[in-house]
Each structure stands twice: as C-alpha cells, then as structure tokens.
Amino acid sequence: MRKVVDCREMPSESNCTLAISGEEDEVVRAAGEHAASVHGHENTPELREQIRTTLKDEAPQHA
C-alpha cells in the first residue's frame, strides 16, 4: 500500500501544504529532504524515523 505524509498535519510557521505519496521508503526520503530544504530541519535518521511514524495509508483513487 502506498503511504502519504502531509505537511498540513504538522506544526509549521510557513503553512506548507505539500503532500508526498509513494512507497514508504520513497516518502520518508523525500519528506526528510523537504523538511531540511524548506523547513530548516536537519535531515537525520531521527527525523526520518519521526516522519515514518506519521505516515498514513493513501486513500484509494477511484476513476
């Protein structure tokens, strides 16, 4: 199952609206890079593990 992380669900001074979805490891990697480049966090193993705990299953898309 694809996973999703959504910045709107995190405390943020920038009111970021980015959502990232994909396979779990892809999402964690991309979200860590986003957190570092946009939000000023350090992209550490601890940050990526914290991100991993916030992942949700992506809602199925119906055509």
PDB file of N, CA and C in Angstrom:
ATOM      1  N   MET A   1       0.838  -1.180   0.000  1.00  0.00           N
ATOM      2  CA  MET A   1       0.000   0.000   0.000  1.00  0.00           C
ATOM      3  C   MET A   1       0.878   1.236   0.000  1.00  0.00           C
ATOM      4  N   ARG A   2       0.500   2.212  -0.825  1.00  0.00           N
ATOM      5  CA  ARG A   2       1.224   3.491  -0.869  1.00  0.00           C
ATOM      6  C   ARG A   2       0.978   4.259   0.423  1.00  0.00           C
ATOM      7  N   LYS A   3       1.960   5.067   0.792  1.00  0.00           N
ATOM      8  CA  LYS A   3       1.890   5.878   2.002  1.00  0.00           C
ATOM      9  C   LYS A   3       1.857   7.351   1.634  1.00  0.00           C
ATOM     10  N   VAL A   4       1.380   8.172   2.561  1.00  0.00           N
ATOM     11  CA  VAL A   4       1.326   9.613   2.342  1.00  0.00           C
ATOM     12  C   VAL A   4       1.699  10.339   3.625  1.00  0.00           C
ATOM     13  N   VAL A   5       2.399  11.464   3.465  1.00  0.00           N
ATOM     14  CA  VAL A   5       2.675  12.377   4.563  1.00  0.00           C
ATOM     15  C   VAL A   5       2.255  13.758   4.069  1.00  0.00           C
ATOM     16  N   ASP A   6       1.636  14.529   4.949  1.00  0.00           N
ATOM     17  CA  ASP A   6       1.044  15.807   4.550  1.00  0.00           C
ATOM     18  C   ASP A   6       1.515  16.895   5.503  1.00  0.00           C
ATOM     19  N   CYS A   7       2.185  17.900   4.980  1.00  0.00           N
ATOM     20  CA  CYS A   7       2.695  18.991   5.817  1.00  0.00           C
ATOM     21  C   CYS A   7       1.578  19.725   6.553  1.00  0.00           C
ATOM     22  N   ARG A   8       0.371  19.713   6.019  1.00  0.00           N
ATOM     23  CA  ARG A   8      -0.732  20.410   6.679  1.00  0.00           C
ATOM     24  C   ARG A   8      -1.046  19.809   8.042  1.00  0.00           C
ATOM     25  N   GLU A   9      -0.591  18.585   8.286  1.00  0.00           N
ATOM     26  CA  GLU A   9      -0.844  17.923   9.561  1.00  0.00           C
ATOM     27  C   GLU A   9       0.278  18.132  10.571  1.00  0.00           C
ATOM     28  N   MET A  10       1.297  18.906  10.182  1.00  0.00           N
ATOM     29  CA  MET A  10       2.442  19.174  11.057  1.00  0.00           C
ATOM     30  C   MET A  10       2.435  20.637  11.472  1.00  0.00           C
ATOM     31  N   PRO A  11       2.900  20.932  12.669  1.00  0.00           N
ATOM     32  CA  PRO A  11       3.021  22.340  13.048  1.00  0.00           C
ATOM     33  C   PRO A  11       4.022  23.027  12.133  1.00  0.00           C
ATOM     34  N   SER A  12       3.651  24.178  11.601  1.00  0.00           N
ATOM     35  CA  SER A  12       4.532  24.866  10.664  1.00  0.00           C
ATOM     36  C   SER A  12       4.232  26.353  10.663  1.00  0.00           C
ATOM     37  N   GLU A  13       5.286  27.144  10.717  1.00  0.00           N
ATOM     38  CA  GLU A  13       5.129  28.594  10.627  1.00  0.00           C
ATOM     39  C   GLU A  13       4.841  29.029   9.195  1.00  0.00           C
ATOM     40  N   SER A  14       5.190  28.191   8.217  1.00  0.00           N
ATOM     41  CA  SER A  14       5.032  28.562   6.813  1.00  0.00           C
ATOM     42  C   SER A  14       3.700  28.124   6.219  1.00  0.00           C
ATOM     43  N   ASN A  15       2.906  27.390   6.996  1.00  0.00           N
ATOM     44  CA  ASN A  15       1.625  26.874   6.491  1.00  0.00           C
ATOM     45  C   ASN A  15       1.801  26.105   5.189  1.00  0.00           C
ATOM     46  N   CYS A  16       2.800  25.263   5.142  1.00  0.00           N
ATOM     47  CA  CYS A  16       3.113  24.448   3.973  1.00  0.00           C
ATOM     48  C   CYS A  16       1.953  23.490   3.686  1.00  0.00           C
ATOM     49  N   THR A  17       1.645  23.309   2.405  1.00  0.00           N
ATOM     50  CA  THR A  17       0.535  22.450   2.017  1.00  0.00           C
ATOM     51  C   THR A  17       0.988  21.231   1.215  1.00  0.00           C
ATOM     52  N   LEU A  18       2.284  20.957   1.177  1.00  0.00           N
ATOM     53  CA  LEU A  18       2.801  19.847   0.392  1.00  0.00           C
ATOM     54  C   LEU A  18       2.369  18.511   0.979  1.00  0.00           C
ATOM     55  N   ALA A  19       1.941  17.602   0.107  1.00  0.00           N
ATOM     56  CA  ALA A  19       1.689  16.203   0.474  1.00  0.00           C
ATOM     57  C   ALA A  19       2.562  15.344  -0.442  1.00  0.00           C
ATOM     58  N   ILE A  20       3.157  14.302   0.120  1.00  0.00           N
ATOM     59  CA  ILE A  20       4.033  13.405  -0.626  1.00  0.00           C
ATOM     60  C   ILE A  20       3.473  11.999  -0.494  1.00  0.00           C
ATOM     61  N   SER A  21       3.329  11.299  -1.607  1.00  0.00           N
ATOM     62  CA  SER A  21       2.826   9.926  -1.558  1.00  0.00           C
ATOM     63  C   SER A  21       3.691   9.023  -2.416  1.00  0.00           C
ATOM     64  N   GLY A  22       3.726   7.754  -2.047  1.00  0.00           N
ATOM     65  CA  GLY A  22       4.503   6.760  -2.785  1.00  0.00           C
ATOM     66  C   GLY A  22       4.803   5.583  -1.883  1.00  0.00           C
ATOM     67  N   GLU A  23       5.783   4.803  -2.281  1.00  0.00           N
ATOM     68  CA  GLU A  23       6.223   3.696  -1.438  1.00  0.00           C
ATOM     69  C   GLU A  23       6.860   4.262  -0.172  1.00  0.00           C
ATOM     70  N   GLU A  24       6.744   3.540   0.934  1.00  0.00           N
ATOM     71  CA  GLU A  24       7.149   4.063   2.244  1.00  0.00           C
ATOM     72  C   GLU A  24       8.550   4.662   2.253  1.00  0.00           C
ATOM     73  N   ASP A  25       9.545   3.934   1.770  1.00  0.00           N
ATOM     74  CA  ASP A  25      10.916   4.445   1.819  1.00  0.00           C
ATOM     75  C   ASP A  25      11.089   5.692   0.957  1.00  0.00           C
ATOM     76  N   GLU A  26      10.391   5.754  -0.191  1.00  0.00           N
ATOM     77  CA  GLU A  26      10.458   6.934  -1.051  1.00  0.00           C
ATOM     78  C   GLU A  26       9.898   8.158  -0.344  1.00  0.00           C
ATOM     79  N   VAL A  27       8.771   7.971   0.323  1.00  0.00           N
ATOM     80  CA  VAL A  27       8.115   9.082   1.010  1.00  0.00           C
ATOM     81  C   VAL A  27       8.984   9.583   2.156  1.00  0.00           C
ATOM     82  N   VAL A  28       9.539   8.674   2.933  1.00  0.00           N
ATOM     83  CA  VAL A  28      10.382   9.070   4.065  1.00  0.00           C
ATOM     84  C   VAL A  28      11.596   9.835   3.563  1.00  0.00           C
ATOM     85  N   ARG A  29      12.234   9.351   2.503  1.00  0.00           N
ATOM     86  CA  ARG A  29      13.412  10.025   1.947  1.00  0.00           C
ATOM     87  C   ARG A  29      13.050  11.424   1.422  1.00  0.00           C
ATOM     88  N   ALA A  30      11.977  11.511   0.643  1.00  0.00           N
ATOM     89  CA  ALA A  30      11.571  12.799   0.070  1.00  0.00           C
ATOM     90  C   ALA A  30      11.110  13.767   1.155  1.00  0.00           C
ATOM     91  N   ALA A  31      10.386  13.275   2.136  1.00  0.00           N
ATOM     92  CA  ALA A  31       9.906  14.143   3.214  1.00  0.00           C
ATOM     93  C   ALA A  31      11.068  14.651   4.061  1.00  0.00           C
ATOM     94  N   GLY A  32      12.073  13.818   4.280  1.00  0.00           N
ATOM     95  CA  GLY A  32      13.261  14.264   5.014  1.00  0.00           C
ATOM     96  C   GLY A  32      13.991  15.365   4.262  1.00  0.00           C
ATOM     97  N   GLU A  33      14.128  15.197   2.944  1.00  0.00           N
ATOM     98  CA  GLU A  33      14.781  16.210   2.127  1.00  0.00           C
ATOM     99  C   GLU A  33      13.964  17.502   2.117  1.00  0.00           C
ATOM    100  N   HIS A  34      12.651  17.375   2.030  1.00  0.00           N
ATOM    101  CA  HIS A  34      11.772  18.548   2.052  1.00  0.00           C
ATOM    102  C   HIS A  34      11.868  19.266   3.402  1.00  0.00           C
ATOM    103  N   ALA A  35      11.836  18.506   4.495  1.00  0.00           N
ATOM    104  CA  ALA A  35      11.912  19.104   5.832  1.00  0.00           C
ATOM    105  C   ALA A  35      13.206  19.887   5.998  1.00  0.00           C
ATOM    106  N   ALA A  36      14.295  19.375   5.424  1.00  0.00           N
ATOM    107  CA  ALA A  36      15.582  20.060   5.522  1.00  0.00           C
ATOM    108  C   ALA A  36      15.629  21.295   4.623  1.00  0.00           C
ATOM    109  N   SER A  37      15.237  21.156   3.370  1.00  0.00           N
ATOM    110  CA  SER A  37      15.415  22.253   2.420  1.00  0.00           C
ATOM    111  C   SER A  37      14.396  23.370   2.587  1.00  0.00           C
ATOM    112  N   VAL A  38      13.180  23.031   3.026  1.00  0.00           N
ATOM    113  CA  VAL A  38      12.129  24.043   3.121  1.00  0.00           C
ATOM    114  C   VAL A  38      11.910  24.516   4.557  1.00  0.00           C
ATOM    115  N   HIS A  39      11.974  23.586   5.506  1.00  0.00           N
ATOM    116  CA  HIS A  39      11.615  23.914   6.881  1.00  0.00           C
ATOM    117  C   HIS A  39      12.816  24.084   7.805  1.00  0.00           C
ATOM    118  N   GLY A  40      14.035  23.881   7.286  1.00  0.00           N
ATOM    119  CA  GLY A  40      15.231  24.137   8.067  1.00  0.00           C
ATOM    120  C   GLY A  40      15.599  23.073   9.080  1.00  0.00           C
ATOM    121  N   HIS A  41      14.976  21.892   8.988  1.00  0.00           N
ATOM    122  CA  HIS A  41      15.337  20.798   9.888  1.00  0.00           C
ATOM    123  C   HIS A  41      16.618  20.135   9.391  1.00  0.00           C
ATOM    124  N   GLU A  42      17.293  19.420  10.265  1.00  0.00           N
ATOM    125  CA  GLU A  42      18.445  18.635   9.864  1.00  0.00           C
ATOM    126  C   GLU A  42      17.946  17.259   9.453  1.00  0.00           C
ATOM    127  N   ASN A  43      18.307  16.799   8.262  1.00  0.00           N
ATOM    128  CA  ASN A  43      17.833  15.522   7.733  1.00  0.00           C
ATOM    129  C   ASN A  43      18.636  14.388   8.367  1.00  0.00           C
ATOM    130  N   THR A  44      18.225  13.999   9.558  1.00  0.00           N
ATOM    131  CA  THR A  44      18.920  12.972  10.343  1.00  0.00           C
ATOM    132  C   THR A  44      18.114  11.677  10.347  1.00  0.00           C
ATOM    133  N   PRO A  45      18.750  10.577  10.745  1.00  0.00           N
ATOM    134  CA  PRO A  45      17.992   9.330  10.895  1.00  0.00           C
ATOM    135  C   PRO A  45      16.830   9.483  11.884  1.00  0.00           C
ATOM    136  N   GLU A  46      17.021  10.285  12.913  1.00  0.00           N
ATOM    137  CA  GLU A  46      15.950  10.504  13.901  1.00  0.00           C
ATOM    138  C   GLU A  46      14.759  11.229  13.271  1.00  0.00           C
ATOM    139  N   LEU A  47      15.030  12.235  12.439  1.00  0.00           N
ATOM    140  CA  LEU A  47      13.948  12.942  11.755  1.00  0.00           C
ATOM    141  C   LEU A  47      13.204  11.989  10.833  1.00  0.00           C
ATOM    142  N   ARG A  48      13.940  11.196  10.056  1.00  0.00           N
ATOM    143  CA  ARG A  48      13.289  10.272   9.131  1.00  0.00           C
ATOM    144  C   ARG A  48      12.460   9.236   9.878  1.00  0.00           C
ATOM    145  N   GLU A  49      12.916   8.801  11.032  1.00  0.00           N
ATOM    146  CA  GLU A  49      12.122   7.849  11.826  1.00  0.00           C
ATOM    147  C   GLU A  49      10.856   8.520  12.349  1.00  0.00           C
ATOM    148  N   GLN A  50      10.968   9.773  12.761  1.00  0.00           N
ATOM    149  CA  GLN A  50       9.788  10.510  13.208  1.00  0.00           C
ATOM    150  C   GLN A  50       8.788  10.646  12.058  1.00  0.00           C
ATOM    151  N   ILE A  51       9.289  10.960  10.875  1.00  0.00           N
ATOM    152  CA  ILE A  51       8.415  11.046   9.702  1.00  0.00           C
ATOM    153  C   ILE A  51       7.738   9.701   9.459  1.00  0.00           C
ATOM    154  N   ARG A  52       8.494   8.617   9.550  1.00  0.00           N
ATOM    155  CA  ARG A  52       7.947   7.282   9.306  1.00  0.00           C
ATOM    156  C   ARG A  52       6.759   6.993  10.232  1.00  0.00           C
ATOM    157  N   THR A  53       6.815   7.490  11.467  1.00  0.00           N
ATOM    158  CA  THR A  53       5.720   7.221  12.414  1.00  0.00           C
ATOM    159  C   THR A  53       4.461   8.012  12.089  1.00  0.00           C
ATOM    160  N   THR A  54       4.574   9.036  11.238  1.00  0.00           N
ATOM    161  CA  THR A  54       3.399   9.847  10.903  1.00  0.00           C
ATOM    162  C   THR A  54       2.750   9.437   9.584  1.00  0.00           C
ATOM    163  N   LEU A  55       3.340   8.481   8.873  1.00  0.00           N
ATOM    164  CA  LEU A  55       2.798   8.072   7.578  1.00  0.00           C
ATOM    165  C   LEU A  55       1.395   7.484   7.728  1.00  0.00           C
ATOM    166  N   LYS A  56       0.598   7.733   6.717  1.00  0.00           N
ATOM    167  CA  LYS A  56      -0.757   7.171   6.666  1.00  0.00           C
ATOM    168  C   LYS A  56      -0.898   6.424   5.347  1.00  0.00           C
ATOM    169  N   ASP A  57      -1.826   5.484   5.316  1.00  0.00           N
ATOM    170  CA  ASP A  57      -2.118   4.795   4.068  1.00  0.00           C
ATOM    171  C   ASP A  57      -2.796   5.779   3.129  1.00  0.00           C
ATOM    172  N   GLU A  58      -2.419   5.735   1.862  1.00  0.00           N
ATOM    173  CA  GLU A  58      -3.027   6.610   0.874  1.00  0.00           C
ATOM    174  C   GLU A  58      -4.435   6.103   0.555  1.00  0.00           C
ATOM    175  N   ALA A  59      -5.370   7.012   0.466  1.00  0.00           N
ATOM    176  CA  ALA A  59      -6.736   6.638   0.120  1.00  0.00           C
ATOM    177  C   ALA A  59      -6.758   6.139  -1.319  1.00  0.00           C
ATOM    178  N   PRO A  60      -7.476   5.052  -1.585  1.00  0.00           N
ATOM    179  CA  PRO A  60      -7.553   4.543  -2.956  1.00  0.00           C
ATOM    180  C   PRO A  60      -8.189   5.569  -3.885  1.00  0.00           C
ATOM    181  N   GLN A  61      -7.671   5.643  -5.098  1.00  0.00           N
ATOM    182  CA  GLN A  61      -8.217   6.560  -6.100  1.00  0.00           C
ATOM    183  C   GLN A  61      -9.219   5.795  -6.959  1.00  0.00           C
ATOM    184  N   HIS A  62     -10.384   6.336  -7.124  1.00  0.00           N
ATOM    185  CA  HIS A  62     -11.403   5.705  -7.960  1.00  0.00           C
ATOM    186  C   HIS A  62     -11.591   6.527  -9.224  1.00  0.00           C
ATOM    187  N   ALA A  63     -11.604   5.820 -10.346  1.00  0.00           N
ATOM    188  CA  ALA A  63     -11.764   6.522 -11.638  1.00  0.00           C
ATOM    189  C   ALA A  63     -13.214   6.796 -11.944  1.00  0.00           C
TER     190      ALA A  63
END
